[in-house]
Amino acid sequence: KLNVIDDVDVVEAVLMGGEKDWISDVIDEISGYGMNELSLEDTA
């Protein structure tokens, strides 16, 4: 129905750029990236 071949093309057709960026950030977060970064409050 989307007239695409690859799975990656489905993701790109279905999700908006901001949605993909947000989901990628969620994946990074649950994968443990950014765990040692100071929060904005700590930095202040």
All heavy atoms as atom14 arrays in JSON, in Angstrom:
{
  "sequence": "KLNVIDDVDVVEAVLMGGEKDWISDVIDEISGYGMNELSLEDTA",
  "atom14_mask": [
    [1, 1, 1, 1, 1, 1, 1, 1, 1, 0, 0, 0, 0, 0],
    [1, 1, 1, 1, 1, 1, 1, 1, 0, 0, 0, 0, 0, 0],
    [1, 1, 1, 1, 1, 1, 1, 1, 0, 0, 0, 0, 0, 0],
    [1, 1, 1, 1, 1, 1, 1, 0, 0, 0, 0, 0, 0, 0],
    [1, 1, 1, 1, 1, 1, 1, 1, 0, 0, 0, 0, 0, 0],
    [1, 1, 1, 1, 1, 1, 1, 1, 0, 0, 0, 0, 0, 0],
    [1, 1, 1, 1, 1, 1, 1, 1, 0, 0, 0, 0, 0, 0],
    [1, 1, 1, 1, 1, 1, 1, 0, 0, 0, 0, 0, 0, 0],
    [1, 1, 1, 1, 1, 1, 1, 1, 0, 0, 0, 0, 0, 0],
    [1, 1, 1, 1, 1, 1, 1, 0, 0, 0, 0, 0, 0, 0],
    [1, 1, 1, 1, 1, 1, 1, 0, 0, 0, 0, 0, 0, 0],
    [1, 1, 1, 1, 1, 1, 1, 1, 1, 0, 0, 0, 0, 0],
    [1, 1, 1, 1, 1, 0, 0, 0, 0, 0, 0, 0, 0, 0],
    [1, 1, 1, 1, 1, 1, 1, 0, 0, 0, 0, 0, 0, 0],
    [1, 1, 1, 1, 1, 1, 1, 1, 0, 0, 0, 0, 0, 0],
    [1, 1, 1, 1, 1, 1, 1, 1, 0, 0, 0, 0, 0, 0],
    [1, 1, 1, 1, 0, 0, 0, 0, 0, 0, 0, 0, 0, 0],
    [1, 1, 1, 1, 0, 0, 0, 0, 0, 0, 0, 0, 0, 0],
    [1, 1, 1, 1, 1, 1, 1, 1, 1, 0, 0, 0, 0, 0],
    [1, 1, 1, 1, 1, 1, 1, 1, 1, 0, 0, 0, 0, 0],
    [1, 1, 1, 1, 1, 1, 1, 1, 0, 0, 0, 0, 0, 0],
    [1, 1, 1, 1, 1, 1, 1, 1, 1, 1, 1, 1, 1, 1],
    [1, 1, 1, 1, 1, 1, 1, 1, 0, 0, 0, 0, 0, 0],
    [1, 1, 1, 1, 1, 1, 0, 0, 0, 0, 0, 0, 0, 0],
    [1, 1, 1, 1, 1, 1, 1, 1, 0, 0, 0, 0, 0, 0],
    [1, 1, 1, 1, 1, 1, 1, 0, 0, 0, 0, 0, 0, 0],
    [1, 1, 1, 1, 1, 1, 1, 1, 0, 0, 0, 0, 0, 0],
    [1, 1, 1, 1, 1, 1, 1, 1, 0, 0, 0, 0, 0, 0],
    [1, 1, 1, 1, 1, 1, 1, 1, 1, 0, 0, 0, 0, 0],
    [1, 1, 1, 1, 1, 1, 1, 1, 0, 0, 0, 0, 0, 0],
    [1, 1, 1, 1, 1, 1, 0, 0, 0, 0, 0, 0, 0, 0],
    [1, 1, 1, 1, 0, 0, 0, 0, 0, 0, 0, 0, 0, 0],
    [1, 1, 1, 1, 1, 1, 1, 1, 1, 1, 1, 1, 0, 0],
    [1, 1, 1, 1, 0, 0, 0, 0, 0, 0, 0, 0, 0, 0],
    [1, 1, 1, 1, 1, 1, 1, 1, 0, 0, 0, 0, 0, 0],
    [1, 1, 1, 1, 1, 1, 1, 1, 0, 0, 0, 0, 0, 0],
    [1, 1, 1, 1, 1, 1, 1, 1, 1, 0, 0, 0, 0, 0],
    [1, 1, 1, 1, 1, 1, 1, 1, 0, 0, 0, 0, 0, 0],
    [1, 1, 1, 1, 1, 1, 0, 0, 0, 0, 0, 0, 0, 0],
    [1, 1, 1, 1, 1, 1, 1, 1, 0, 0, 0, 0, 0, 0],
    [1, 1, 1, 1, 1, 1, 1, 1, 1, 0, 0, 0, 0, 0],
    [1, 1, 1, 1, 1, 1, 1, 1, 0, 0, 0, 0, 0, 0],
    [1, 1, 1, 1, 1, 1, 1, 0, 0, 0, 0, 0, 0, 0],
    [1, 1, 1, 1, 1, 0, 0, 0, 0, 0, 0, 0, 0, 0]
  ],
  "atom14_positions": [
    [[0.82, -1.22, 0.0], [0.0, 0.0, 0.0], [0.85, 1.27, 0.0], [0.46, 2.28, -0.58], [-0.95, 0.0, 1.19], [-2.04, -1.06, 1.05], [-3.16, -0.81, 2.02], [-4.18, -1.92, 1.95], [-5.23, -1.69, 1.0], [0.0, 0.0, 0.0], [0.0, 0.0, 0.0], [0.0, 0.0, 0.0], [0.0, 0.0, 0.0], [0.0, 0.0, 0.0]],
    [[2.03, 1.2, 0.66], [2.93, 2.36, 0.68], [3.83, 2.4, -0.56], [4.53, 3.38, -0.78], [3.81, 2.33, 1.93], [3.11, 2.56, 3.27], [4.08, 2.31, 4.42], [2.54, 3.97, 3.35], [0.0, 0.0, 0.0], [0.0, 0.0, 0.0], [0.0, 0.0, 0.0], [0.0, 0.0, 0.0], [0.0, 0.0, 0.0], [0.0, 0.0, 0.0]],
    [[3.81, 1.31, -1.33], [4.64, 1.19, -2.52], [6.13, 1.3, -2.17], [6.88, 2.06, -2.79], [4.25, 2.22, -3.58], [4.77, 1.84, -4.95], [4.99, 0.66, -5.24], [5.0, 2.84, -5.78], [0.0, 0.0, 0.0], [0.0, 0.0, 0.0], [0.0, 0.0, 0.0], [0.0, 0.0, 0.0], [0.0, 0.0, 0.0], [0.0, 0.0, 0.0]],
    [[6.54, 0.54, -1.14], [7.94, 0.5, -0.72], [8.39, -0.96, -0.66], [7.57, -1.88, -0.62], [8.15, 1.18, 0.65], [7.8, 2.66, 0.57], [7.38, 0.5, 1.75], [0.0, 0.0, 0.0], [0.0, 0.0, 0.0], [0.0, 0.0, 0.0], [0.0, 0.0, 0.0], [0.0, 0.0, 0.0], [0.0, 0.0, 0.0], [0.0, 0.0, 0.0]],
    [[9.7, -1.15, -0.61], [10.26, -2.5, -0.61], [10.86, -2.87, 0.75], [10.61, -3.95, 1.26], [11.34, -2.64, -1.71], [10.7, -2.42, -3.08], [12.03, -3.99, -1.63], [11.68, -2.31, -4.21], [0.0, 0.0, 0.0], [0.0, 0.0, 0.0], [0.0, 0.0, 0.0], [0.0, 0.0, 0.0], [0.0, 0.0, 0.0], [0.0, 0.0, 0.0]],
    [[11.65, -1.98, 1.32], [12.38, -2.29, 2.55], [11.65, -1.84, 3.8], [10.87, -0.89, 3.78], [13.75, -1.59, 2.53], [14.65, -2.12, 1.43], [14.56, -3.33, 1.13], [15.44, -1.33, 0.89], [0.0, 0.0, 0.0], [0.0, 0.0, 0.0], [0.0, 0.0, 0.0], [0.0, 0.0, 0.0], [0.0, 0.0, 0.0], [0.0, 0.0, 0.0]],
    [[11.99, -2.51, 4.93], [11.43, -2.15, 6.23], [11.77, -0.69, 6.57], [10.94, 0.03, 7.12], [11.98, -3.06, 7.33], [11.65, -4.53, 7.09], [10.87, -4.84, 6.16], [12.17, -5.37, 7.85], [0.0, 0.0, 0.0], [0.0, 0.0, 0.0], [0.0, 0.0, 0.0], [0.0, 0.0, 0.0], [0.0, 0.0, 0.0], [0.0, 0.0, 0.0]],
    [[12.99, -0.28, 6.25], [13.42, 1.08, 6.56], [12.56, 2.11, 5.82], [12.29, 3.19, 6.34], [14.94, 1.26, 6.29], [15.24, 1.3, 4.81], [15.49, 2.48, 6.99], [0.0, 0.0, 0.0], [0.0, 0.0, 0.0], [0.0, 0.0, 0.0], [0.0, 0.0, 0.0], [0.0, 0.0, 0.0], [0.0, 0.0, 0.0], [0.0, 0.0, 0.0]],
    [[12.11, 1.76, 4.63], [11.25, 2.66, 3.87], [9.88, 2.8, 4.52], [9.25, 3.86, 4.45], [11.09, 2.16, 2.43], [12.41, 2.17, 1.66], [13.24, 3.06, 1.92], [12.6, 1.27, 0.81], [0.0, 0.0, 0.0], [0.0, 0.0, 0.0], [0.0, 0.0, 0.0], [0.0, 0.0, 0.0], [0.0, 0.0, 0.0], [0.0, 0.0, 0.0]],
    [[9.41, 1.72, 5.18], [8.14, 1.78, 5.9], [8.26, 2.77, 7.06], [7.4, 3.63, 7.24], [7.71, 0.39, 6.43], [6.47, 0.5, 7.31], [7.46, -0.56, 5.27], [0.0, 0.0, 0.0], [0.0, 0.0, 0.0], [0.0, 0.0, 0.0], [0.0, 0.0, 0.0], [0.0, 0.0, 0.0], [0.0, 0.0, 0.0], [0.0, 0.0, 0.0]],
    [[9.35, 2.65, 7.83], [9.56, 3.56, 8.96], [9.58, 5.0, 8.47], [8.95, 5.88, 9.06], [10.87, 3.22, 9.71], [11.19, 4.26, 10.77], [10.79, 1.83, 10.33], [0.0, 0.0, 0.0], [0.0, 0.0, 0.0], [0.0, 0.0, 0.0], [0.0, 0.0, 0.0], [0.0, 0.0, 0.0], [0.0, 0.0, 0.0], [0.0, 0.0, 0.0]],
    [[10.31, 5.24, 7.38], [10.43, 6.6, 6.86], [9.12, 7.14, 6.3], [8.87, 8.33, 6.36], [11.56, 6.67, 5.84], [12.9, 6.46, 6.52], [14.09, 6.45, 5.57], [13.91, 6.66, 4.35], [15.19, 6.21, 6.07], [0.0, 0.0, 0.0], [0.0, 0.0, 0.0], [0.0, 0.0, 0.0], [0.0, 0.0, 0.0], [0.0, 0.0, 0.0]],
    [[8.28, 6.26, 5.79], [6.99, 6.69, 5.24], [5.95, 6.93, 6.34], [5.11, 7.82, 6.2], [6.46, 5.65, 4.26], [0.0, 0.0, 0.0], [0.0, 0.0, 0.0], [0.0, 0.0, 0.0], [0.0, 0.0, 0.0], [0.0, 0.0, 0.0], [0.0, 0.0, 0.0], [0.0, 0.0, 0.0], [0.0, 0.0, 0.0], [0.0, 0.0, 0.0]],
    [[6.03, 6.18, 7.41], [5.0, 6.22, 8.45], [5.28, 7.27, 9.52], [4.36, 7.94, 9.99], [4.85, 4.82, 9.09], [3.96, 4.86, 10.31], [4.3, 3.83, 8.07], [0.0, 0.0, 0.0], [0.0, 0.0, 0.0], [0.0, 0.0, 0.0], [0.0, 0.0, 0.0], [0.0, 0.0, 0.0], [0.0, 0.0, 0.0], [0.0, 0.0, 0.0]],
    [[6.54, 7.4, 9.92], [6.88, 8.3, 11.03], [7.41, 9.64, 10.54], [8.19, 9.7, 9.58], [7.94, 7.64, 11.93], [7.51, 6.35, 12.63], [8.7, 5.74, 13.35], [6.37, 6.62, 13.6], [0.0, 0.0, 0.0], [0.0, 0.0, 0.0], [0.0, 0.0, 0.0], [0.0, 0.0, 0.0], [0.0, 0.0, 0.0], [0.0, 0.0, 0.0]],
    [[7.02, 10.69, 11.23], [7.54, 12.02, 10.93], [8.93, 12.15, 11.55], [9.29, 11.4, 12.47], [6.61, 13.09, 11.5], [5.24, 13.11, 10.83], [4.21, 14.53, 11.29], [3.88, 14.21, 12.99], [0.0, 0.0, 0.0], [0.0, 0.0, 0.0], [0.0, 0.0, 0.0], [0.0, 0.0, 0.0], [0.0, 0.0, 0.0], [0.0, 0.0, 0.0]],
    [[9.7, 13.11, 11.06], [11.07, 13.31, 11.52], [11.19, 13.47, 13.03], [12.04, 12.86, 13.66], [0.0, 0.0, 0.0], [0.0, 0.0, 0.0], [0.0, 0.0, 0.0], [0.0, 0.0, 0.0], [0.0, 0.0, 0.0], [0.0, 0.0, 0.0], [0.0, 0.0, 0.0], [0.0, 0.0, 0.0], [0.0, 0.0, 0.0], [0.0, 0.0, 0.0]],
    [[10.33, 14.3, 13.59], [10.37, 14.52, 15.04], [10.02, 13.28, 15.83], [10.57, 13.03, 16.9], [0.0, 0.0, 0.0], [0.0, 0.0, 0.0], [0.0, 0.0, 0.0], [0.0, 0.0, 0.0], [0.0, 0.0, 0.0], [0.0, 0.0, 0.0], [0.0, 0.0, 0.0], [0.0, 0.0, 0.0], [0.0, 0.0, 0.0], [0.0, 0.0, 0.0]],
    [[9.11, 12.49, 15.3], [8.73, 11.23, 15.96], [9.92, 10.26, 15.96], [10.21, 9.64, 16.98], [7.54, 10.59, 15.25], [6.25, 11.38, 15.41], [5.14, 10.95, 14.47], [5.42, 10.32, 13.41], [3.97, 11.24, 14.79], [0.0, 0.0, 0.0], [0.0, 0.0, 0.0], [0.0, 0.0, 0.0], [0.0, 0.0, 0.0], [0.0, 0.0, 0.0]],
    [[10.6, 10.16, 14.82], [11.76, 9.28, 14.74], [12.86, 9.75, 15.69], [13.51, 8.93, 16.34], [12.29, 9.19, 13.31], [11.37, 8.44, 12.39], [11.99, 8.06, 11.06], [12.82, 9.11, 10.43], [13.34, 8.74, 9.12], [0.0, 0.0, 0.0], [0.0, 0.0, 0.0], [0.0, 0.0, 0.0], [0.0, 0.0, 0.0], [0.0, 0.0, 0.0]],
    [[13.07, 11.04, 15.77], [14.08, 11.6, 16.66], [13.75, 11.27, 18.11], [14.6, 10.83, 18.88], [14.18, 13.12, 16.45], [15.35, 13.73, 17.18], [16.44, 13.14, 17.17], [15.16, 14.82, 17.77], [0.0, 0.0, 0.0], [0.0, 0.0, 0.0], [0.0, 0.0, 0.0], [0.0, 0.0, 0.0], [0.0, 0.0, 0.0], [0.0, 0.0, 0.0]],
    [[12.48, 11.45, 18.5], [12.03, 11.16, 19.86], [12.19, 9.67, 20.17], [12.71, 9.31, 21.23], [10.58, 11.61, 20.03], [9.92, 11.06, 21.25], [10.21, 11.36, 22.56], [8.86, 10.1, 21.3], [9.4, 10.65, 23.4], [8.56, 9.86, 22.66], [8.13, 9.42, 20.33], [7.57, 8.99, 23.06], [7.14, 8.54, 20.73], [6.88, 8.33, 22.09]],
    [[11.78, 8.8, 19.26], [11.88, 7.35, 19.48], [13.35, 6.95, 19.6], [13.71, 6.14, 20.46], [11.17, 6.56, 18.36], [9.68, 6.86, 18.37], [11.43, 5.06, 18.49], [8.93, 6.41, 17.12], [0.0, 0.0, 0.0], [0.0, 0.0, 0.0], [0.0, 0.0, 0.0], [0.0, 0.0, 0.0], [0.0, 0.0, 0.0], [0.0, 0.0, 0.0]],
    [[14.21, 7.52, 18.78], [15.63, 7.23, 18.84], [16.2, 7.65, 20.2], [17.01, 6.93, 20.79], [16.37, 7.96, 17.72], [17.74, 7.68, 17.75], [0.0, 0.0, 0.0], [0.0, 0.0, 0.0], [0.0, 0.0, 0.0], [0.0, 0.0, 0.0], [0.0, 0.0, 0.0], [0.0, 0.0, 0.0], [0.0, 0.0, 0.0], [0.0, 0.0, 0.0]],
    [[15.74, 8.79, 20.72], [16.18, 9.23, 22.05], [15.7, 8.27, 23.14], [16.44, 7.98, 24.08], [15.66, 10.65, 22.35], [16.38, 11.73, 21.56], [17.44, 11.43, 20.96], [15.87, 12.87, 21.52], [0.0, 0.0, 0.0], [0.0, 0.0, 0.0], [0.0, 0.0, 0.0], [0.0, 0.0, 0.0], [0.0, 0.0, 0.0], [0.0, 0.0, 0.0]],
    [[14.48, 7.77, 23.02], [13.95, 6.79, 23.99], [14.81, 5.52, 23.94], [15.19, 4.98, 24.99], [12.46, 6.46, 23.71], [12.0, 5.26, 24.52], [11.59, 7.67, 23.98], [0.0, 0.0, 0.0], [0.0, 0.0, 0.0], [0.0, 0.0, 0.0], [0.0, 0.0, 0.0], [0.0, 0.0, 0.0], [0.0, 0.0, 0.0], [0.0, 0.0, 0.0]],
    [[15.14, 5.06, 22.75], [15.97, 3.86, 22.6], [17.34, 4.08, 23.24], [17.84, 3.22, 23.97], [16.1, 3.46, 21.12], [14.74, 3.02, 20.56], [17.15, 2.36, 20.93], [14.68, 2.93, 19.05], [0.0, 0.0, 0.0], [0.0, 0.0, 0.0], [0.0, 0.0, 0.0], [0.0, 0.0, 0.0], [0.0, 0.0, 0.0], [0.0, 0.0, 0.0]],
    [[17.94, 5.24, 22.98], [19.24, 5.56, 23.6], [19.13, 5.57, 25.12], [20.0, 5.04, 25.82], [19.76, 6.91, 23.1], [20.24, 6.86, 21.67], [20.46, 5.74, 21.12], [20.4, 7.94, 21.07], [0.0, 0.0, 0.0], [0.0, 0.0, 0.0], [0.0, 0.0, 0.0], [0.0, 0.0, 0.0], [0.0, 0.0, 0.0], [0.0, 0.0, 0.0]],
    [[18.06, 6.17, 25.63], [17.87, 6.26, 27.08], [17.76, 4.88, 27.72], [18.44, 4.59, 28.7], [16.62, 7.08, 27.39], [16.33, 7.22, 28.87], [15.01, 7.92, 29.12], [14.72, 8.91, 28.43], [14.27, 7.46, 30.01], [0.0, 0.0, 0.0], [0.0, 0.0, 0.0], [0.0, 0.0, 0.0], [0.0, 0.0, 0.0], [0.0, 0.0, 0.0]],
    [[16.92, 4.0, 27.17], [16.75, 2.68, 27.78], [17.95, 1.78, 27.5], [18.13, 0.76, 28.19], [15.43, 1.98, 27.35], [15.39, 1.7, 25.84], [14.23, 2.78, 27.8], [14.16, 0.93, 25.38], [0.0, 0.0, 0.0], [0.0, 0.0, 0.0], [0.0, 0.0, 0.0], [0.0, 0.0, 0.0], [0.0, 0.0, 0.0], [0.0, 0.0, 0.0]],
    [[18.79, 2.16, 26.54], [20.02, 1.42, 26.26], [21.17, 1.89, 27.14], [22.28, 1.37, 27.02], [20.4, 1.55, 24.79], [19.39, 1.0, 23.97], [0.0, 0.0, 0.0], [0.0, 0.0, 0.0], [0.0, 0.0, 0.0], [0.0, 0.0, 0.0], [0.0, 0.0, 0.0], [0.0, 0.0, 0.0], [0.0, 0.0, 0.0], [0.0, 0.0, 0.0]],
    [[20.92, 2.87, 27.99], [21.93, 3.29, 28.96], [22.76, 4.49, 28.55], [23.65, 4.9, 29.3], [0.0, 0.0, 0.0], [0.0, 0.0, 0.0], [0.0, 0.0, 0.0], [0.0, 0.0, 0.0], [0.0, 0.0, 0.0], [0.0, 0.0, 0.0], [0.0, 0.0, 0.0], [0.0, 0.0, 0.0], [0.0, 0.0, 0.0], [0.0, 0.0, 0.0]],
    [[22.49, 5.08, 27.41], [23.26, 6.25, 27.0], [22.75, 7.49, 27.72], [21.55, 7.65, 27.9], [23.19, 6.45, 25.48], [23.92, 5.36, 24.74], [23.23, 4.28, 24.21], [25.3, 5.39, 24.61], [23.9, 3.26, 23.56], [25.97, 4.38, 23.95], [25.27, 3.32, 23.43], [25.93, 2.3, 22.79], [0.0, 0.0, 0.0], [0.0, 0.0, 0.0]],
    [[23.67, 8.34, 28.13], [23.29, 9.57, 28.82], [23.04, 9.39, 30.3], [22.61, 10.32, 30.96], [0.0, 0.0, 0.0], [0.0, 0.0, 0.0], [0.0, 0.0, 0.0], [0.0, 0.0, 0.0], [0.0, 0.0, 0.0], [0.0, 0.0, 0.0], [0.0, 0.0, 0.0], [0.0, 0.0, 0.0], [0.0, 0.0, 0.0], [0.0, 0.0, 0.0]],
    [[23.35, 8.21, 30.84], [23.1, 7.96, 32.26], [24.01, 8.8, 33.15], [23.66, 9.1, 34.28], [23.28, 6.48, 32.59], [22.22, 5.6, 31.99], [22.47, 3.87, 32.34], [22.05, 3.81, 34.08], [0.0, 0.0, 0.0], [0.0, 0.0, 0.0], [0.0, 0.0, 0.0], [0.0, 0.0, 0.0], [0.0, 0.0, 0.0], [0.0, 0.0, 0.0]],
    [[25.18, 9.17, 32.66], [26.14, 9.91, 33.47], [26.1, 11.42, 33.23], [26.88, 12.15, 33.82], [27.56, 9.39, 33.22], [27.72, 7.97, 33.69], [27.1, 7.57, 34.67], [28.53, 7.2, 33.01], [0.0, 0.0, 0.0], [0.0, 0.0, 0.0], [0.0, 0.0, 0.0], [0.0, 0.0, 0.0], [0.0, 0.0, 0.0], [0.0, 0.0, 0.0]],
    [[25.22, 11.85, 32.34], [25.15, 13.28, 32.06], [24.46, 14.0, 33.21], [23.53, 13.5, 33.81], [24.36, 13.53, 30.77], [25.07, 13.01, 29.53], [24.26, 13.22, 28.28], [23.19, 13.87, 28.34], [24.7, 12.75, 27.22], [0.0, 0.0, 0.0], [0.0, 0.0, 0.0], [0.0, 0.0, 0.0], [0.0, 0.0, 0.0], [0.0, 0.0, 0.0]],
    [[24.96, 15.19, 33.5], [24.33, 16.0, 34.54], [23.03, 16.56, 34.03], [22.9, 16.93, 32.87], [25.26, 17.17, 34.92], [26.54, 16.84, 35.66], [27.36, 18.1, 35.83], [26.24, 16.22, 37.01], [0.0, 0.0, 0.0], [0.0, 0.0, 0.0], [0.0, 0.0, 0.0], [0.0, 0.0, 0.0], [0.0, 0.0, 0.0], [0.0, 0.0, 0.0]],
    [[22.06, 16.61, 34.92], [20.8, 17.23, 34.54], [20.99, 18.74, 34.48], [21.95, 19.28, 35.02], [19.69, 16.88, 35.55], [19.95, 17.53, 36.78], [0.0, 0.0, 0.0], [0.0, 0.0, 0.0], [0.0, 0.0, 0.0], [0.0, 0.0, 0.0], [0.0, 0.0, 0.0], [0.0, 0.0, 0.0], [0.0, 0.0, 0.0], [0.0, 0.0, 0.0]],
    [[20.07, 19.42, 33.87], [20.12, 20.89, 33.78], [20.13, 21.49, 35.17], [20.84, 22.45, 35.46], [18.93, 21.39, 32.96], [18.91, 22.86, 32.62], [20.17, 23.25, 31.84], [17.68, 23.19, 31.79], [0.0, 0.0, 0.0], [0.0, 0.0, 0.0], [0.0, 0.0, 0.0], [0.0, 0.0, 0.0], [0.0, 0.0, 0.0], [0.0, 0.0, 0.0]],
    [[19.37, 20.89, 36.08], [19.3, 21.37, 37.46], [20.63, 21.21, 38.16], [21.1, 22.11, 38.85], [18.21, 20.58, 38.2], [17.84, 21.14, 39.55], [16.66, 20.39, 40.12], [15.58, 20.38, 39.52], [16.85, 19.8, 41.21], [0.0, 0.0, 0.0], [0.0, 0.0, 0.0], [0.0, 0.0, 0.0], [0.0, 0.0, 0.0], [0.0, 0.0, 0.0]],
    [[21.3, 20.06, 37.98], [22.62, 19.83, 38.57], [23.63, 20.81, 38.02], [24.49, 21.31, 38.75], [23.09, 18.39, 38.33], [22.27, 17.37, 39.08], [21.68, 17.74, 40.12], [22.21, 16.2, 38.64], [0.0, 0.0, 0.0], [0.0, 0.0, 0.0], [0.0, 0.0, 0.0], [0.0, 0.0, 0.0], [0.0, 0.0, 0.0], [0.0, 0.0, 0.0]],
    [[23.57, 21.06, 36.72], [24.5, 22.0, 36.1], [24.31, 23.4, 36.66], [25.26, 24.11, 36.92], [24.29, 22.01, 34.56], [24.42, 20.68, 34.08], [25.32, 22.89, 33.89], [0.0, 0.0, 0.0], [0.0, 0.0, 0.0], [0.0, 0.0, 0.0], [0.0, 0.0, 0.0], [0.0, 0.0, 0.0], [0.0, 0.0, 0.0], [0.0, 0.0, 0.0]],
    [[23.06, 23.8, 36.87], [22.77, 25.13, 37.41], [23.3, 25.27, 38.84], [23.77, 26.34, 39.23], [21.27, 25.4, 37.38], [0.0, 0.0, 0.0], [0.0, 0.0, 0.0], [0.0, 0.0, 0.0], [0.0, 0.0, 0.0], [0.0, 0.0, 0.0], [0.0, 0.0, 0.0], [0.0, 0.0, 0.0], [0.0, 0.0, 0.0], [0.0, 0.0, 0.0]]
  ]
}
